Amino acid sequence: MDIYRSSQAFPAGNKFFSLKVNRPGLVNQDKDSDDYSFGPLARFDHATIRKGTKIRMHEHVNDEILSYIGSGQMLHRDSDGEEELLSPGRHMMMNAGRSFFHEESAPQEDVEMLQILIRPEKADLEPSVRFWKAGEPDEDGWTLIGGPAGTGAPLEIRQRVAVYDAKAEAGAELMVPEMEGYTPWLYVFQGSIQAGGEVLGKGDGVSGAARELSGLAVLEPAVLVLFLVDVDAEMTDSGTISGIKRM
């Protein structure tokens, strides 16, 4: 089992927004690696966008981007003419492909979110954007948000990566979902948990074999985001952001 601590994130931003750039490959503590991604899971930015901020229209190429809102409401506009208000449980998957433009703003309140960047399996695929509103979680407490075609995920990720979340009260115990050939990487978005005898708080993460993460004890009310990743999947590193290998 490998532990990632919030102190390993790279801070960025300004007075309008702040980022903690998480490079999941650093879970193995190899700072000398040529690539800080975890297979095709390139990075995920834990962002706070201040009320009134607008991030102007900009281009992405060959990035698969899942927007996960923890609190607040974010207004999305894009080059396809889509306009959508994202909020907790209202998720967006942007498959940038050969080119896609979008802008984000927080017109009503501060927003706390993850922007998850994944390297697609191939370059220059057809661009698209999709939205989905989550319902009740499955009996195991997890909600499958995005994943490859054929997994039943409501949002398609053009890569062998699946994304789940769980919201759990203190005292709950969770079992991590499994997919053959995929390695779990778990992020604590809010709250605290215990995994394999280690206490993990907000911004911490853990990876390992599924059996090592078989029982998670929730210490404080928690929001957890789980990535299941085929670390050996074929991918392109030509993405605008996902293709960046080191900070």
Protein backbone atom coordinates (compact mmCIF):
# COMPACT_ATOMS: atom_id res chain seq x y z
CA MET A 1 0.00 0.00 0.00
CA ASP A 2 1.35 3.43 -1.01
CA ILE A 3 0.36 6.68 0.68
CA TYR A 4 0.13 10.11 -0.94
CA ARG A 5 0.00 13.15 1.34
CA SER A 6 -1.62 16.51 0.64
CA SER A 7 1.76 18.18 1.13
CA GLN A 8 2.93 16.55 -2.12
CA ALA A 9 0.48 18.60 -4.22
CA PHE A 10 1.83 21.53 -6.22
CA PRO A 11 0.14 24.83 -5.30
CA ALA A 12 -0.87 27.28 -8.03
CA GLY A 13 -3.34 30.08 -8.67
CA ASN A 14 -3.98 33.71 -7.81
CA LYS A 15 -6.50 35.81 -5.87
CA PHE A 16 -9.34 34.55 -8.08
CA PHE A 17 -8.72 30.82 -7.83
CA SER A 18 -6.36 28.41 -6.12
CA LEU A 19 -5.20 24.98 -7.21
CA LYS A 20 -3.57 22.02 -5.58
CA VAL A 21 -2.21 20.07 -8.52
CA ASN A 22 -2.09 16.39 -7.62
CA ARG A 23 0.22 14.18 -9.67
CA PRO A 24 -0.95 10.68 -8.71
CA GLY A 25 2.23 8.92 -9.84
CA LEU A 26 3.99 10.47 -6.85
CA VAL A 27 2.12 8.04 -4.61
CA ASN A 28 5.19 5.80 -4.95
CA GLN A 29 7.41 8.67 -3.70
CA ASP A 30 9.69 8.56 -6.77
CA LYS A 31 10.37 12.27 -7.35
CA ASP A 32 13.05 11.40 -9.93
CA SER A 33 10.56 9.73 -12.26
CA ASP A 34 10.34 11.13 -15.80
CA ASP A 35 6.54 11.08 -15.60
CA TYR A 36 4.35 11.92 -12.59
CA SER A 37 1.22 10.31 -14.02
CA PHE A 38 -0.36 7.08 -12.73
CA GLY A 39 -0.71 5.26 -16.02
CA PRO A 40 -3.17 7.33 -18.08
CA LEU A 41 -4.42 9.20 -14.97
CA ALA A 42 -2.26 12.28 -15.55
CA ARG A 43 -3.33 14.65 -12.77
CA PHE A 44 -6.29 16.02 -10.86
CA ASP A 45 -6.53 19.62 -9.69
CA HIS A 46 -8.29 20.31 -6.39
CA ALA A 47 -9.52 23.81 -7.14
CA THR A 48 -11.28 26.63 -5.31
CA ILE A 49 -12.78 29.21 -7.66
CA ARG A 50 -13.87 32.44 -6.03
CA LYS A 51 -17.31 33.94 -6.62
CA GLY A 52 -17.30 36.24 -9.64
CA THR A 53 -14.30 34.58 -11.29
CA LYS A 54 -14.36 33.73 -14.99
CA ILE A 55 -11.72 31.54 -16.62
CA ARG A 56 -11.99 32.71 -20.22
CA MET A 57 -12.51 30.53 -23.27
CA HIS A 58 -9.46 28.37 -23.89
CA GLU A 59 -8.55 25.30 -25.95
CA HIS A 60 -7.84 21.72 -24.93
CA VAL A 61 -6.45 19.09 -27.29
CA ASN A 62 -6.33 15.36 -26.49
CA ASP A 63 -7.40 15.78 -22.85
CA GLU A 64 -10.18 13.70 -21.28
CA ILE A 65 -11.50 15.99 -18.51
CA LEU A 66 -14.01 15.07 -15.83
CA SER A 67 -15.31 17.98 -13.75
CA TYR A 68 -16.38 16.96 -10.24
CA ILE A 69 -18.07 19.63 -8.12
CA GLY A 70 -17.83 19.29 -4.34
CA SER A 71 -19.62 22.51 -3.40
CA GLY A 72 -21.01 25.56 -5.16
CA GLN A 73 -22.12 25.97 -8.77
CA MET A 74 -19.90 26.36 -11.82
CA LEU A 75 -21.16 27.69 -15.15
CA HIS A 76 -19.72 25.91 -18.19
CA ARG A 77 -19.80 27.32 -21.74
CA ASP A 78 -18.12 25.77 -24.76
CA SER A 79 -17.43 25.96 -28.48
CA ASP A 80 -20.40 23.67 -29.22
CA GLY A 81 -22.73 26.29 -27.77
CA GLU A 82 -23.48 24.27 -24.65
CA GLU A 83 -24.18 26.16 -21.43
CA GLU A 84 -24.62 24.14 -18.25
CA LEU A 85 -24.63 24.86 -14.53
CA LEU A 86 -22.64 22.18 -12.72
CA SER A 87 -23.21 21.45 -9.04
CA PRO A 88 -22.59 18.59 -6.58
CA GLY A 89 -23.81 15.43 -8.31
CA ARG A 90 -24.10 17.18 -11.68
CA HIS A 91 -21.01 15.96 -13.54
CA MET A 92 -19.41 16.88 -16.87
CA MET A 93 -17.15 14.82 -19.14
CA MET A 94 -15.29 16.79 -21.78
CA ASN A 95 -13.60 14.59 -24.39
CA ALA A 96 -11.45 17.26 -26.04
CA GLY A 97 -10.10 15.10 -28.86
CA ARG A 98 -8.54 17.06 -31.71
CA SER A 99 -9.77 20.43 -30.34
CA PHE A 100 -12.36 21.80 -27.93
CA PHE A 101 -12.81 25.23 -26.33
CA HIS A 102 -14.55 25.99 -23.03
CA GLU A 103 -14.80 28.56 -20.27
CA GLU A 104 -15.73 28.28 -16.60
CA SER A 105 -17.12 30.78 -14.12
CA ALA A 106 -18.48 30.97 -10.59
CA PRO A 107 -21.26 33.56 -10.89
CA GLN A 108 -23.14 32.81 -7.66
CA GLU A 109 -20.78 31.45 -5.00
CA ASP A 110 -17.35 29.97 -4.38
CA VAL A 111 -16.78 26.58 -6.01
CA GLU A 112 -14.68 23.70 -4.71
CA MET A 113 -14.05 21.00 -7.29
CA LEU A 114 -11.76 18.49 -8.93
CA GLN A 115 -10.73 18.81 -12.55
CA ILE A 116 -9.54 15.32 -13.49
CA LEU A 117 -7.26 15.03 -16.53
CA ILE A 118 -6.78 11.68 -18.26
CA ARG A 119 -4.68 10.78 -21.29
CA PRO A 120 -6.92 9.29 -24.00
CA GLU A 121 -6.13 6.04 -25.71
CA LYS A 122 -5.59 7.75 -29.08
CA ALA A 123 -4.88 11.25 -30.35
CA ASP A 124 -7.25 13.47 -32.31
CA LEU A 125 -10.51 11.65 -31.57
CA GLU A 126 -13.83 13.35 -32.22
CA PRO A 127 -14.51 16.03 -29.54
CA SER A 128 -17.64 15.87 -27.39
CA VAL A 129 -19.08 16.99 -24.06
CA ARG A 130 -21.63 15.17 -21.89
CA PHE A 131 -23.45 15.90 -18.63
CA TRP A 132 -25.01 13.58 -16.06
CA LYS A 133 -26.91 13.98 -12.81
CA ALA A 134 -26.17 11.29 -10.22
CA GLY A 135 -28.97 9.54 -8.37
CA GLU A 136 -28.77 7.38 -5.29
CA PRO A 137 -25.52 5.45 -4.76
CA ASP A 138 -25.31 1.70 -5.22
CA GLU A 139 -25.83 -0.59 -2.24
CA ASP A 140 -22.08 -0.59 -1.58
CA GLY A 141 -22.14 3.20 -1.14
CA TRP A 142 -20.30 4.01 -4.39
CA THR A 143 -21.50 5.79 -7.52
CA LEU A 144 -19.87 5.04 -10.86
CA ILE A 145 -19.51 8.37 -12.65
CA GLY A 146 -17.27 7.71 -15.65
CA GLY A 147 -15.51 4.82 -17.30
CA PRO A 148 -14.67 3.07 -20.56
CA ALA A 149 -17.34 1.96 -22.99
CA GLY A 150 -18.87 -1.32 -21.90
CA THR A 151 -18.59 -0.72 -18.15
CA GLY A 152 -22.05 0.80 -17.79
CA ALA A 153 -20.61 4.17 -16.77
CA PRO A 154 -22.97 7.08 -17.53
CA LEU A 155 -20.07 9.24 -18.78
CA GLU A 156 -17.68 7.65 -21.25
CA ILE A 157 -13.94 8.04 -20.70
CA ARG A 158 -11.96 7.06 -23.78
CA GLN A 159 -9.41 5.25 -21.70
CA ARG A 160 -9.16 2.36 -19.25
CA VAL A 161 -9.95 4.55 -16.24
CA ALA A 162 -13.10 4.47 -14.10
CA VAL A 163 -14.12 7.15 -11.60
CA TYR A 164 -16.40 6.62 -8.59
CA ASP A 165 -17.38 8.68 -5.59
CA ALA A 166 -18.79 7.89 -2.16
CA LYS A 167 -20.27 10.08 0.58
CA ALA A 168 -20.19 8.42 3.97
CA GLU A 169 -20.87 9.29 7.60
CA ALA A 170 -18.50 8.69 10.49
CA GLY A 171 -18.47 5.05 11.58
CA ALA A 172 -19.26 3.69 8.12
CA GLU A 173 -17.13 1.00 6.49
CA LEU A 174 -16.64 0.85 2.74
CA MET A 175 -15.33 -1.81 0.39
CA VAL A 176 -13.51 -0.52 -2.67
CA PRO A 177 -15.04 -1.64 -6.00
CA GLU A 178 -12.83 -3.91 -8.12
CA MET A 179 -12.30 -4.28 -11.86
CA GLU A 180 -9.96 -6.96 -13.19
CA GLY A 181 -6.72 -5.45 -14.47
CA TYR A 182 -7.31 -2.09 -12.77
CA THR A 183 -5.42 -0.62 -9.79
CA PRO A 184 -7.27 1.58 -7.26
CA TRP A 185 -6.15 5.10 -6.36
CA LEU A 186 -8.33 6.68 -3.65
CA TYR A 187 -8.50 10.42 -2.87
CA VAL A 188 -10.00 12.04 0.22
CA PHE A 189 -11.88 15.10 -1.04
CA GLN A 190 -13.38 15.85 2.39
CA GLY A 191 -13.24 14.32 5.87
CA SER A 192 -10.96 11.56 7.08
CA ILE A 193 -10.70 7.77 6.85
CA GLN A 194 -8.49 4.94 8.00
CA ALA A 195 -7.02 2.54 5.45
CA GLY A 196 -4.59 -0.22 6.30
CA GLY A 197 -3.88 1.34 9.67
CA GLU A 198 -3.09 4.75 8.13
CA VAL A 199 -5.21 7.85 8.82
CA LEU A 200 -5.90 9.88 5.70
CA GLY A 201 -7.31 13.41 5.77
CA LYS A 202 -8.44 15.92 3.17
CA GLY A 203 -6.07 15.93 0.20
CA ASP A 204 -4.45 12.60 1.05
CA GLY A 205 -4.59 9.51 -1.12
CA VAL A 206 -3.73 5.82 -1.16
CA SER A 207 -3.08 3.17 -3.77
CA GLY A 208 -2.33 -0.53 -3.71
CA ALA A 209 -3.82 -3.89 -4.46
CA ALA A 210 -7.58 -4.07 -4.01
CA ARG A 211 -7.19 -6.45 -1.05
CA GLU A 212 -5.04 -3.84 0.75
CA LEU A 213 -7.89 -1.35 0.50
CA SER A 214 -10.60 -3.89 1.22
CA GLY A 215 -11.91 -2.18 4.34
CA LEU A 216 -12.08 1.61 4.75
CA ALA A 217 -13.19 3.01 8.10
CA VAL A 218 -14.73 6.50 7.94
CA LEU A 219 -13.54 8.60 10.88
CA GLU A 220 -15.24 11.89 9.95
CA PRO A 221 -18.00 12.52 7.39
CA ALA A 222 -16.17 12.00 4.12
CA VAL A 223 -16.37 12.53 0.38
CA LEU A 224 -14.12 10.07 -1.43
CA VAL A 225 -13.16 9.93 -5.10
CA LEU A 226 -11.87 6.59 -6.39
CA PHE A 227 -9.94 6.00 -9.60
CA LEU A 228 -9.58 2.51 -11.02
CA VAL A 229 -6.72 2.63 -13.53
CA ASP A 230 -5.15 0.21 -15.97
CA VAL A 231 -1.63 1.52 -15.47
CA ASP A 232 -0.40 -0.33 -18.58
CA ALA A 233 -3.06 1.00 -20.94
CA GLU A 234 -2.05 2.40 -24.31
CA MET A 235 -2.29 6.20 -24.37
CA THR A 236 -1.22 9.37 -26.08
CA ASP A 237 0.76 12.00 -24.19
CA SER A 238 -0.05 14.76 -26.71
CA GLY A 239 -2.69 16.37 -24.47
CA THR A 240 -2.59 20.09 -23.71
CA ILE A 241 -2.49 19.44 -19.96
CA SER A 242 -2.63 15.66 -19.56
CA GLY A 243 0.50 15.32 -21.67
CA ILE A 244 2.63 17.26 -19.20
CA LYS A 245 4.88 14.70 -17.50
CA ARG A 246 6.39 16.73 -14.67
CA MET A 247 5.63 19.98 -12.92
